[in-house]
Full PDB file with SEQRES, HELIX, SHEET, SSBOND, CRYST1, ORIGX, SCALE, CONECT and MASTER records, all heavy atoms in Angstrom:
SEQRES   1 A   29  SER PHE ALA GLY PHE GLU GLY VAL ALA GLU ASP PHE LEU          
SEQRES   2 A   29  VAL GLY VAL GLU GLU SER HIS GLY VAL LEU VAL THR PRO          
SEQRES   3 A   29  HIS ILE ARG                                                  
HELIX    1 AA1 ALA A    9  ASP A   11  5                                   3    
SHEET    1 AA1 2 GLY A  15  GLU A  17  0                                        
SHEET    2 AA1 2 GLY A  21  LEU A  23 -1                                        
CRYST1    1.000    1.000    1.000  90.00  90.00  90.00 P 1           1          
ORIGX1      1.000000  0.000000  0.000000        0.00000                         
ORIGX2      0.000000  1.000000  0.000000        0.00000                         
ORIGX3      0.000000  0.000000  1.000000        0.00000                         
SCALE1      1.000000  0.000000  0.000000        0.00000                         
SCALE2      0.000000  1.000000  0.000000        0.00000                         
SCALE3      0.000000  0.000000  1.000000        0.00000                         
ATOM      1  N   SER A   1     187.355  64.324-166.766  1.00  0.00           N  
ATOM      2  CA  SER A   1     186.146  64.205-167.568  1.00  0.00           C  
ATOM      3  C   SER A   1     185.612  62.791-167.484  1.00  0.00           C  
ATOM      4  O   SER A   1     186.340  61.839-167.177  1.00  0.00           O  
ATOM      5  CB  SER A   1     186.412  64.564-169.033  1.00  0.00           C  
ATOM      6  OG  SER A   1     187.287  63.610-169.620  1.00  0.00           O  
ATOM      7  N   PHE A   2     184.317  62.673-167.791  1.00  0.00           N  
ATOM      8  CA  PHE A   2     183.688  61.348-167.922  1.00  0.00           C  
ATOM      9  C   PHE A   2     182.406  61.514-168.711  1.00  0.00           C  
ATOM     10  O   PHE A   2     181.620  62.438-168.467  1.00  0.00           O  
ATOM     11  CB  PHE A   2     183.377  60.717-166.555  1.00  0.00           C  
ATOM     12  CG  PHE A   2     182.788  59.343-166.673  1.00  0.00           C  
ATOM     13  CD1 PHE A   2     183.598  58.255-166.971  1.00  0.00           C  
ATOM     14  CD2 PHE A   2     181.425  59.128-166.524  1.00  0.00           C  
ATOM     15  CE1 PHE A   2     183.067  56.978-167.118  1.00  0.00           C  
ATOM     16  CE2 PHE A   2     180.875  57.863-166.663  1.00  0.00           C  
ATOM     17  CZ  PHE A   2     181.706  56.782-166.962  1.00  0.00           C  
ATOM     18  N   ALA A   3     182.189  60.611-169.653  1.00  0.00           N  
ATOM     19  CA  ALA A   3     180.964  60.556-170.455  1.00  0.00           C  
ATOM     20  C   ALA A   3     180.635  61.896-171.093  1.00  0.00           C  
ATOM     21  O   ALA A   3     179.471  62.292-171.184  1.00  0.00           O  
ATOM     22  CB  ALA A   3     179.788  60.079-169.590  1.00  0.00           C  
ATOM     23  N   GLY A   4     181.675  62.594-171.530  1.00  0.00           N  
ATOM     24  CA  GLY A   4     181.464  63.862-172.206  1.00  0.00           C  
ATOM     25  C   GLY A   4     181.341  65.068-171.292  1.00  0.00           C  
ATOM     26  O   GLY A   4     181.222  66.196-171.764  1.00  0.00           O  
ATOM     27  N   PHE A   5     181.381  64.848-169.982  1.00  0.00           N  
ATOM     28  CA  PHE A   5     181.302  65.943-169.025  1.00  0.00           C  
ATOM     29  C   PHE A   5     182.687  66.269-168.486  1.00  0.00           C  
ATOM     30  O   PHE A   5     183.410  65.362-168.034  1.00  0.00           O  
ATOM     31  CB  PHE A   5     180.394  65.589-167.840  1.00  0.00           C  
ATOM     32  CG  PHE A   5     178.945  65.494-168.185  1.00  0.00           C  
ATOM     33  CD1 PHE A   5     178.176  64.447-167.696  1.00  0.00           C  
ATOM     34  CD2 PHE A   5     178.327  66.446-168.980  1.00  0.00           C  
ATOM     35  CE1 PHE A   5     176.830  64.353-167.993  1.00  0.00           C  
ATOM     36  CE2 PHE A   5     176.984  66.364-169.288  1.00  0.00           C  
ATOM     37  CZ  PHE A   5     176.232  65.315-168.802  1.00  0.00           C  
ATOM     38  N   GLU A   6     183.069  67.515-168.503  1.00  0.00           N  
ATOM     39  CA  GLU A   6     184.276  67.938-167.823  1.00  0.00           C  
ATOM     40  C   GLU A   6     183.969  68.122-166.330  1.00  0.00           C  
ATOM     41  O   GLU A   6     182.858  68.501-165.958  1.00  0.00           O  
ATOM     42  CB  GLU A   6     184.801  69.253-168.411  1.00  0.00           C  
ATOM     43  CG  GLU A   6     185.315  69.126-169.836  1.00  0.00           C  
ATOM     44  CD  GLU A   6     185.934  70.425-170.332  1.00  0.00           C  
ATOM     45  OE1 GLU A   6     185.876  71.430-169.595  1.00  0.00           O  
ATOM     46  OE2 GLU A   6     186.463  70.417-171.454  1.00  0.00           O  
ATOM     47  N   GLY A   7     184.984  67.872-165.499  1.00  0.00           N  
ATOM     48  CA  GLY A   7     184.755  68.033-164.072  1.00  0.00           C  
ATOM     49  C   GLY A   7     185.851  67.391-163.258  1.00  0.00           C  
ATOM     50  O   GLY A   7     186.829  66.850-163.801  1.00  0.00           O  
ATOM     51  N   VAL A   8     185.699  67.466-161.960  1.00  0.00           N  
ATOM     52  CA  VAL A   8     186.622  66.844-161.008  1.00  0.00           C  
ATOM     53  C   VAL A   8     185.802  65.938-160.109  1.00  0.00           C  
ATOM     54  O   VAL A   8     184.561  65.944-160.139  1.00  0.00           O  
ATOM     55  CB  VAL A   8     187.355  67.916-160.177  1.00  0.00           C  
ATOM     56  CG1 VAL A   8     188.260  68.754-161.065  1.00  0.00           C  
ATOM     57  CG2 VAL A   8     186.371  68.813-159.420  1.00  0.00           C  
ATOM     58  N   ALA A   9     186.496  65.127-159.307  1.00  0.00           N  
ATOM     59  CA  ALA A   9     185.786  64.169-158.457  1.00  0.00           C  
ATOM     60  C   ALA A   9     184.763  64.853-157.559  1.00  0.00           C  
ATOM     61  O   ALA A   9     183.676  64.317-157.316  1.00  0.00           O  
ATOM     62  CB  ALA A   9     186.790  63.390-157.619  1.00  0.00           C  
ATOM     63  N   GLU A  10     185.112  66.051-157.082  1.00  0.00           N  
ATOM     64  CA  GLU A  10     184.203  66.759-156.175  1.00  0.00           C  
ATOM     65  C   GLU A  10     182.903  67.197-156.850  1.00  0.00           C  
ATOM     66  O   GLU A  10     181.953  67.602-156.174  1.00  0.00           O  
ATOM     67  CB  GLU A  10     184.920  67.958-155.552  1.00  0.00           C  
ATOM     68  CG  GLU A  10     185.941  67.607-154.476  1.00  0.00           C  
ATOM     69  CD  GLU A  10     187.174  66.892-155.031  1.00  0.00           C  
ATOM     70  OE1 GLU A  10     187.459  67.052-156.244  1.00  0.00           O  
ATOM     71  OE2 GLU A  10     187.825  66.164-154.257  1.00  0.00           O  
ATOM     72  N   ASP A  11     182.855  67.131-158.190  1.00  0.00           N  
ATOM     73  CA  ASP A  11     181.598  67.443-158.879  1.00  0.00           C  
ATOM     74  C   ASP A  11     180.581  66.309-158.740  1.00  0.00           C  
ATOM     75  O   ASP A  11     179.394  66.512-158.987  1.00  0.00           O  
ATOM     76  CB  ASP A  11     181.851  67.704-160.365  1.00  0.00           C  
ATOM     77  CG  ASP A  11     182.618  68.998-160.609  1.00  0.00           C  
ATOM     78  OD1 ASP A  11     182.521  69.907-159.762  1.00  0.00           O  
ATOM     79  OD2 ASP A  11     183.307  69.089-161.637  1.00  0.00           O  
ATOM     80  N   PHE A  12     181.052  65.127-158.378  1.00  0.00           N  
ATOM     81  CA  PHE A  12     180.146  63.998-158.165  1.00  0.00           C  
ATOM     82  C   PHE A  12     179.267  64.291-156.958  1.00  0.00           C  
ATOM     83  O   PHE A  12     179.751  64.590-155.870  1.00  0.00           O  
ATOM     84  CB  PHE A  12     180.941  62.714-157.933  1.00  0.00           C  
ATOM     85  CG  PHE A  12     180.119  61.563-157.431  1.00  0.00           C  
ATOM     86  CD1 PHE A  12     179.402  60.774-158.313  1.00  0.00           C  
ATOM     87  CD2 PHE A  12     180.060  61.268-156.073  1.00  0.00           C  
ATOM     88  CE1 PHE A  12     178.634  59.706-157.853  1.00  0.00           C  
ATOM     89  CE2 PHE A  12     179.296  60.207-155.605  1.00  0.00           C  
ATOM     90  CZ  PHE A  12     178.587  59.430-156.500  1.00  0.00           C  
ATOM     91  N   LEU A  13     177.965  64.172-157.147  1.00  0.00           N  
ATOM     92  CA  LEU A  13     177.021  64.438-156.059  1.00  0.00           C  
ATOM     93  C   LEU A  13     176.447  63.172-155.463  1.00  0.00           C  
ATOM     94  O   LEU A  13     176.458  62.971-154.248  1.00  0.00           O  
ATOM     95  CB  LEU A  13     175.883  65.325-156.564  1.00  0.00           C  
ATOM     96  CG  LEU A  13     174.850  65.734-155.510  1.00  0.00           C  
ATOM     97  CD1 LEU A  13     175.464  66.733-154.537  1.00  0.00           C  
ATOM     98  CD2 LEU A  13     173.607  66.325-156.165  1.00  0.00           C  
ATOM     99  N   VAL A  14     175.938  62.292-156.323  1.00  0.00           N  
ATOM    100  CA  VAL A  14     175.308  61.069-155.825  1.00  0.00           C  
ATOM    101  C   VAL A  14     175.310  60.022-156.934  1.00  0.00           C  
ATOM    102  O   VAL A  14     175.148  60.347-158.113  1.00  0.00           O  
ATOM    103  CB  VAL A  14     173.881  61.342-155.314  1.00  0.00           C  
ATOM    104  CG1 VAL A  14     173.015  61.971-156.394  1.00  0.00           C  
ATOM    105  CG2 VAL A  14     173.206  60.085-154.781  1.00  0.00           C  
ATOM    106  N   GLY A  15     175.505  58.770-156.550  1.00  0.00           N  
ATOM    107  CA  GLY A  15     175.393  57.645-157.463  1.00  0.00           C  
ATOM    108  C   GLY A  15     174.421  56.635-156.889  1.00  0.00           C  
ATOM    109  O   GLY A  15     174.414  56.393-155.672  1.00  0.00           O  
ATOM    110  N   VAL A  16     173.590  56.045-157.755  1.00  0.00           N  
ATOM    111  CA  VAL A  16     172.547  55.135-157.277  1.00  0.00           C  
ATOM    112  C   VAL A  16     172.401  53.944-158.211  1.00  0.00           C  
ATOM    113  O   VAL A  16     172.680  54.023-159.407  1.00  0.00           O  
ATOM    114  CB  VAL A  16     171.180  55.858-157.166  1.00  0.00           C  
ATOM    115  CG1 VAL A  16     171.204  56.898-156.066  1.00  0.00           C  
ATOM    116  CG2 VAL A  16     170.782  56.505-158.490  1.00  0.00           C  
ATOM    117  N   GLU A  17     171.960  52.828-157.625  1.00  0.00           N  
ATOM    118  CA  GLU A  17     171.582  51.660-158.402  1.00  0.00           C  
ATOM    119  C   GLU A  17     170.316  51.065-157.800  1.00  0.00           C  
ATOM    120  O   GLU A  17     170.054  51.223-156.602  1.00  0.00           O  
ATOM    121  CB  GLU A  17     172.703  50.626-158.443  1.00  0.00           C  
ATOM    122  CG  GLU A  17     173.032  49.989-157.110  1.00  0.00           C  
ATOM    123  CD  GLU A  17     174.066  48.884-157.205  1.00  0.00           C  
ATOM    124  OE1 GLU A  17     174.546  48.625-158.322  1.00  0.00           O  
ATOM    125  OE2 GLU A  17     174.379  48.279-156.168  1.00  0.00           O  
ATOM    126  N   GLU A  18     169.563  50.349-158.606  1.00  0.00           N  
ATOM    127  CA  GLU A  18     168.258  49.876-158.165  1.00  0.00           C  
ATOM    128  C   GLU A  18     168.339  48.858-157.036  1.00  0.00           C  
ATOM    129  O   GLU A  18     167.390  48.698-156.277  1.00  0.00           O  
ATOM    130  CB  GLU A  18     167.477  49.286-159.337  1.00  0.00           C  
ATOM    131  CG  GLU A  18     168.124  48.128-160.070  1.00  0.00           C  
ATOM    132  CD  GLU A  18     167.987  46.803-159.372  1.00  0.00           C  
ATOM    133  OE1 GLU A  18     166.973  46.601-158.696  1.00  0.00           O  
ATOM    134  OE2 GLU A  18     168.911  45.981-159.505  1.00  0.00           O  
ATOM    135  N   SER A  19     169.462  48.188-156.894  1.00  0.00           N  
ATOM    136  CA  SER A  19     169.593  47.134-155.882  1.00  0.00           C  
ATOM    137  C   SER A  19     170.021  47.698-154.532  1.00  0.00           C  
ATOM    138  O   SER A  19     170.878  47.130-153.853  1.00  0.00           O  
ATOM    139  CB  SER A  19     170.559  46.053-156.357  1.00  0.00           C  
ATOM    140  OG  SER A  19     171.804  46.608-156.700  1.00  0.00           O  
ATOM    141  N   HIS A  20     169.449  48.851-154.175  1.00  0.00           N  
ATOM    142  CA  HIS A  20     169.609  49.455-152.848  1.00  0.00           C  
ATOM    143  C   HIS A  20     171.032  49.959-152.583  1.00  0.00           C  
ATOM    144  O   HIS A  20     171.452  50.035-151.429  1.00  0.00           O  
ATOM    145  CB  HIS A  20     169.201  48.468-151.749  1.00  0.00           C  
ATOM    146  CG  HIS A  20     167.731  48.151-151.732  1.00  0.00           C  
ATOM    147  ND1 HIS A  20     166.878  48.579-150.740  1.00  0.00           N  
ATOM    148  CD2 HIS A  20     166.938  47.453-152.592  1.00  0.00           C  
ATOM    149  CE1 HIS A  20     165.648  48.167-150.996  1.00  0.00           C  
ATOM    150  NE2 HIS A  20     165.666  47.481-152.130  1.00  0.00           N  
ATOM    151  N   GLY A  21     171.756  50.309-153.627  1.00  0.00           N  
ATOM    152  CA  GLY A  21     173.090  50.868-153.465  1.00  0.00           C  
ATOM    153  C   GLY A  21     173.085  52.367-153.699  1.00  0.00           C  
ATOM    154  O   GLY A  21     172.514  52.843-154.688  1.00  0.00           O  
ATOM    155  N   VAL A  22     173.711  53.109-152.788  1.00  0.00           N  
ATOM    156  CA  VAL A  22     173.779  54.561-152.885  1.00  0.00           C  
ATOM    157  C   VAL A  22     175.164  55.024-152.440  1.00  0.00           C  
ATOM    158  O   VAL A  22     175.766  54.430-151.538  1.00  0.00           O  
ATOM    159  CB  VAL A  22     172.706  55.247-152.001  1.00  0.00           C  
ATOM    160  CG1 VAL A  22     172.767  56.771-152.141  1.00  0.00           C  
ATOM    161  CG2 VAL A  22     171.311  54.754-152.345  1.00  0.00           C  
ATOM    162  N   LEU A  23     175.654  56.091-153.060  1.00  0.00           N  
ATOM    163  CA  LEU A  23     176.905  56.725-152.643  1.00  0.00           C  
ATOM    164  C   LEU A  23     176.715  58.231-152.721  1.00  0.00           C  
ATOM    165  O   LEU A  23     176.251  58.748-153.734  1.00  0.00           O  
ATOM    166  CB  LEU A  23     178.066  56.292-153.549  1.00  0.00           C  
ATOM    167  CG  LEU A  23     179.446  56.883-153.209  1.00  0.00           C  
ATOM    168  CD1 LEU A  23     179.908  56.439-151.825  1.00  0.00           C  
ATOM    169  CD2 LEU A  23     180.475  56.471-154.263  1.00  0.00           C  
ATOM    170  N   VAL A  24     177.089  58.936-151.641  1.00  0.00           N  
ATOM    171  CA  VAL A  24     176.861  60.387-151.599  1.00  0.00           C  
ATOM    172  C   VAL A  24     178.147  61.168-151.328  1.00  0.00           C  
ATOM    173  O   VAL A  24     178.095  62.324-150.917  1.00  0.00           O  
ATOM    174  CB  VAL A  24     175.789  60.744-150.535  1.00  0.00           C  
ATOM    175  CG1 VAL A  24     174.429  60.233-150.958  1.00  0.00           C  
ATOM    176  CG2 VAL A  24     176.168  60.194-149.164  1.00  0.00           C  
ATOM    177  N   THR A  25     179.288  60.554-151.579  1.00  0.00           N  
ATOM    178  CA  THR A  25     180.564  61.246-151.442  1.00  0.00           C  
ATOM    179  C   THR A  25     181.563  60.680-152.439  1.00  0.00           C  
ATOM    180  O   THR A  25     181.599  59.461-152.646  1.00  0.00           O  
ATOM    181  CB  THR A  25     181.134  61.114-150.015  1.00  0.00           C  
ATOM    182  OG1 THR A  25     182.496  61.595-149.988  1.00  0.00           O  
ATOM    183  CG2 THR A  25     181.131  59.665-149.546  1.00  0.00           C  
ATOM    184  N   PRO A  26     182.392  61.516-153.057  1.00  0.00           N  
ATOM    185  CA  PRO A  26     183.396  60.988-153.993  1.00  0.00           C  
ATOM    186  C   PRO A  26     184.591  60.358-153.288  1.00  0.00           C  
ATOM    187  O   PRO A  26     185.464  59.795-153.946  1.00  0.00           O  
ATOM    188  CB  PRO A  26     183.821  62.239-154.774  1.00  0.00           C  
ATOM    189  CG  PRO A  26     183.626  63.367-153.816  1.00  0.00           C  
ATOM    190  CD  PRO A  26     182.393  63.005-153.026  1.00  0.00           C  
ATOM    191  N   HIS A  27     184.642  60.455-151.972  1.00  0.00           N  
ATOM    192  CA  HIS A  27     185.799  59.955-151.230  1.00  0.00           C  
ATOM    193  C   HIS A  27     185.696  58.475-150.900  1.00  0.00           C  
ATOM    194  O   HIS A  27     186.608  57.903-150.298  1.00  0.00           O  
ATOM    195  CB  HIS A  27     185.984  60.780-149.957  1.00  0.00           C  
ATOM    196  CG  HIS A  27     186.156  62.241-150.237  1.00  0.00           C  
ATOM    197  ND1 HIS A  27     187.294  62.754-150.836  1.00  0.00           N  
ATOM    198  CD2 HIS A  27     185.329  63.289-150.048  1.00  0.00           C  
ATOM    199  CE1 HIS A  27     187.159  64.059-150.985  1.00  0.00           C  
ATOM    200  NE2 HIS A  27     185.980  64.415-150.517  1.00  0.00           N  
ATOM    201  N   ILE A  28     184.579  57.858-151.243  1.00  0.00           N  
ATOM    202  CA  ILE A  28     184.404  56.410-151.152  1.00  0.00           C  
ATOM    203  C   ILE A  28     184.049  55.950-152.554  1.00  0.00           C  
ATOM    204  O   ILE A  28     183.257  56.595-153.229  1.00  0.00           O  
ATOM    205  CB  ILE A  28     183.293  56.044-150.146  1.00  0.00           C  
ATOM    206  CG1 ILE A  28     183.651  56.562-148.745  1.00  0.00           C  
ATOM    207  CG2 ILE A  28     183.056  54.543-150.106  1.00  0.00           C  
ATOM    208  CD1 ILE A  28     182.532  56.428-147.728  1.00  0.00           C  
ATOM    209  N   ARG A  29     184.610  54.861-153.007  1.00  0.00           N  
ATOM    210  CA  ARG A  29     184.443  54.482-154.404  1.00  0.00           C  
ATOM    211  C   ARG A  29     183.602  53.216-154.569  1.00  0.00           C  
ATOM    212  O   ARG A  29     183.802  52.429-155.486  1.00  0.00           O  
ATOM    213  CB  ARG A  29     185.821  54.320-155.068  1.00  0.00           C  
ATOM    214  CG  ARG A  29     186.666  55.595-155.012  1.00  0.00           C  
ATOM    215  CD  ARG A  29     186.064  56.713-155.844  1.00  0.00           C  
ATOM    216  NE  ARG A  29     186.688  58.013-155.600  1.00  0.00           N  
ATOM    217  CZ  ARG A  29     187.785  58.471-156.221  1.00  0.00           C  
ATOM    218  NH1 ARG A  29     188.370  57.731-157.138  1.00  0.00           N  
ATOM    219  NH2 ARG A  29     188.268  59.665-155.928  1.00  0.00           N  
TER     220      ARG A  29                                                      
MASTER        0    0    0    1    2    0    0    6  219    1    0    3          
END                                                                             
């Protein structure tokens, strides 16, 4: 779980930040 959401790492789809950072796989942290 994280931030009130139940799930597993594979539920992560995409993470973004305004300074041109993107991640589209849970296998890289």
